[in-house]
């Protein structure tokens, strides 16, 4: 078993998922308003770094980018992989 500071991991995942959720919501608002946009790579990077749960829920709550396979299935796959890793490491 790895010696992991669980408090740090919980806060990291919590804040990253909140950030991913918020940026997906802002991107949806920016799209509707026509102002500057958030690049897709930023949204995907947040999901890869651990914000996949926030990104997954944002896709369905804001109904944004739900039809694109890399978001619909890619983020779901990332979420499943990250959850399995966390369970294996004993984080959850």
C-alpha atoms as a PDB file:
ATOM      1  CA  UNK A   1       0.000   0.000   0.000  1.00  0.00           C
ATOM      2  CA  UNK A   2       1.270   3.432  -0.868  1.00  0.00           C
ATOM      3  CA  UNK A   3       1.768   6.044   1.802  1.00  0.00           C
ATOM      4  CA  UNK A   4      -0.652   8.698   0.501  1.00  0.00           C
ATOM      5  CA  UNK A   5      -1.812  11.798   2.300  1.00  0.00           C
ATOM      6  CA  UNK A   6      -5.546  11.193   1.830  1.00  0.00           C
ATOM      7  CA  UNK A   7      -6.575  14.670   2.928  1.00  0.00           C
ATOM      8  CA  UNK A   8      -4.541  16.170   0.092  1.00  0.00           C
ATOM      9  CA  UNK A   9      -5.963  13.683  -2.425  1.00  0.00           C
ATOM     10  CA  UNK A  10      -9.560  14.363  -1.356  1.00  0.00           C
ATOM     11  CA  UNK A  11      -9.120  18.137  -1.586  1.00  0.00           C
ATOM     12  CA  UNK A  12      -7.299  17.827  -4.928  1.00  0.00           C
ATOM     13  CA  UNK A  13     -10.053  15.717  -6.447  1.00  0.00           C
ATOM     14  CA  UNK A  14     -12.811  17.847  -4.927  1.00  0.00           C
ATOM     15  CA  UNK A  15     -11.404  21.154  -6.189  1.00  0.00           C
ATOM     16  CA  UNK A  16     -10.471  19.776  -9.612  1.00  0.00           C
ATOM     17  CA  UNK A  17     -13.959  18.350 -10.126  1.00  0.00           C
ATOM     18  CA  UNK A  18     -15.571  21.632  -9.059  1.00  0.00           C
ATOM     19  CA  UNK A  19     -13.289  23.485 -11.483  1.00  0.00           C
ATOM     20  CA  UNK A  20     -14.093  21.089 -14.339  1.00  0.00           C
ATOM     21  CA  UNK A  21     -17.821  21.376 -13.655  1.00  0.00           C
ATOM     22  CA  UNK A  22     -17.635  25.177 -13.526  1.00  0.00           C
ATOM     23  CA  UNK A  23     -15.577  25.478 -16.712  1.00  0.00           C
ATOM     24  CA  UNK A  24     -17.991  23.276 -18.634  1.00  0.00           C
ATOM     25  CA  UNK A  25     -20.820  25.509 -17.428  1.00  0.00           C
ATOM     26  CA  UNK A  26     -18.915  28.658 -18.401  1.00  0.00           C
ATOM     27  CA  UNK A  27     -18.117  27.204 -21.811  1.00  0.00           C
ATOM     28  CA  UNK A  28     -21.808  26.506 -22.365  1.00  0.00           C
ATOM     29  CA  UNK A  29     -22.633  30.099 -21.394  1.00  0.00           C
ATOM     30  CA  UNK A  30     -19.827  31.445 -23.612  1.00  0.00           C
ATOM     31  CA  UNK A  31     -21.129  29.405 -26.531  1.00  0.00           C
ATOM     32  CA  UNK A  32     -24.617  30.816 -26.131  1.00  0.00           C
ATOM     33  CA  UNK A  33     -23.369  34.375 -25.640  1.00  0.00           C
ATOM     34  CA  UNK A  34     -20.844  34.354 -28.468  1.00  0.00           C
ATOM     35  CA  UNK A  35     -17.926  35.604 -26.349  1.00  0.00           C
ATOM     36  CA  UNK A  36     -14.448  34.044 -26.119  1.00  0.00           C
ATOM     37  CA  UNK A  37     -14.416  30.291 -25.695  1.00  0.00           C
ATOM     38  CA  UNK A  38     -12.528  27.772 -23.577  1.00  0.00           C
ATOM     39  CA  UNK A  39     -10.517  25.384 -25.793  1.00  0.00           C
ATOM     40  CA  UNK A  40     -11.603  21.741 -25.829  1.00  0.00           C
ATOM     41  CA  UNK A  41      -8.110  20.603 -24.845  1.00  0.00           C
ATOM     42  CA  UNK A  42      -8.422  22.516 -21.569  1.00  0.00           C
ATOM     43  CA  UNK A  43     -11.699  20.768 -20.765  1.00  0.00           C
ATOM     44  CA  UNK A  44     -10.247  17.364 -21.636  1.00  0.00           C
ATOM     45  CA  UNK A  45      -7.048  18.064 -19.687  1.00  0.00           C
ATOM     46  CA  UNK A  46      -9.053  18.784 -16.548  1.00  0.00           C
ATOM     47  CA  UNK A  47     -10.811  15.453 -16.973  1.00  0.00           C
ATOM     48  CA  UNK A  48      -7.515  13.609 -17.471  1.00  0.00           C
ATOM     49  CA  UNK A  49      -5.952  15.229 -14.398  1.00  0.00           C
ATOM     50  CA  UNK A  50      -8.747  13.916 -12.175  1.00  0.00           C
ATOM     51  CA  UNK A  51     -11.797  16.064 -12.884  1.00  0.00           C
ATOM     52  CA  UNK A  52     -13.637  13.451 -14.905  1.00  0.00           C
ATOM     53  CA  UNK A  53     -16.539  13.144 -12.469  1.00  0.00           C
ATOM     54  CA  UNK A  54     -17.226  16.884 -12.552  1.00  0.00           C
ATOM     55  CA  UNK A  55     -16.874  16.912 -16.330  1.00  0.00           C
ATOM     56  CA  UNK A  56     -19.186  13.915 -16.714  1.00  0.00           C
ATOM     57  CA  UNK A  57     -21.940  15.468 -14.610  1.00  0.00           C
ATOM     58  CA  UNK A  58     -21.514  18.843 -16.329  1.00  0.00           C
ATOM     59  CA  UNK A  59     -21.990  17.275 -19.756  1.00  0.00           C
ATOM     60  CA  UNK A  60     -25.394  15.954 -18.755  1.00  0.00           C
ATOM     61  CA  UNK A  61     -26.536  18.811 -16.520  1.00  0.00           C
ATOM     62  CA  UNK A  62     -25.631  21.536 -19.007  1.00  0.00           C
ATOM     63  CA  UNK A  63     -26.374  19.260 -22.004  1.00  0.00           C
ATOM     64  CA  UNK A  64     -23.187  20.479 -23.608  1.00  0.00           C
ATOM     65  CA  UNK A  65     -20.932  18.470 -25.937  1.00  0.00           C
ATOM     66  CA  UNK A  66     -23.117  15.460 -25.228  1.00  0.00           C
ATOM     67  CA  UNK A  67     -23.134  14.405 -28.880  1.00  0.00           C
ATOM     68  CA  UNK A  68     -19.356  14.367 -29.330  1.00  0.00           C
ATOM     69  CA  UNK A  69     -17.948  10.861 -28.792  1.00  0.00           C
ATOM     70  CA  UNK A  70     -14.675  12.046 -27.244  1.00  0.00           C
ATOM     71  CA  UNK A  71     -16.646  13.805 -24.550  1.00  0.00           C
ATOM     72  CA  UNK A  72     -19.570  11.413 -24.197  1.00  0.00           C
ATOM     73  CA  UNK A  73     -17.578   8.177 -24.102  1.00  0.00           C
ATOM     74  CA  UNK A  74     -14.052   9.433 -23.462  1.00  0.00           C
ATOM     75  CA  UNK A  75     -14.874  11.206 -20.221  1.00  0.00           C
ATOM     76  CA  UNK A  76     -17.016   8.285 -19.076  1.00  0.00           C
ATOM     77  CA  UNK A  77     -14.074   5.931 -19.726  1.00  0.00           C
ATOM     78  CA  UNK A  78     -11.715   8.279 -17.846  1.00  0.00           C
ATOM     79  CA  UNK A  79     -14.157   8.397 -14.955  1.00  0.00           C
ATOM     80  CA  UNK A  80     -14.316   4.592 -14.782  1.00  0.00           C
ATOM     81  CA  UNK A  81     -10.524   4.234 -14.983  1.00  0.00           C
ATOM     82  CA  UNK A  82      -9.873   6.908 -12.357  1.00  0.00           C
ATOM     83  CA  UNK A  83     -12.481   5.423 -10.034  1.00  0.00           C
ATOM     84  CA  UNK A  84     -10.927   1.961 -10.406  1.00  0.00           C
ATOM     85  CA  UNK A  85      -7.474   3.377  -9.639  1.00  0.00           C
ATOM     86  CA  UNK A  86      -8.783   5.154  -6.541  1.00  0.00           C
ATOM     87  CA  UNK A  87     -10.489   1.983  -5.304  1.00  0.00           C
ATOM     88  CA  UNK A  88      -7.346  -0.056  -5.960  1.00  0.00           C
ATOM     89  CA  UNK A  89      -5.182   2.425  -4.037  1.00  0.00           C
ATOM     90  CA  UNK A  90      -7.657   2.482  -1.167  1.00  0.00           C
ATOM     91  CA  UNK A  91      -8.593   6.123  -1.601  1.00  0.00           C
ATOM     92  CA  UNK A  92     -12.326   5.349  -1.778  1.00  0.00           C
END
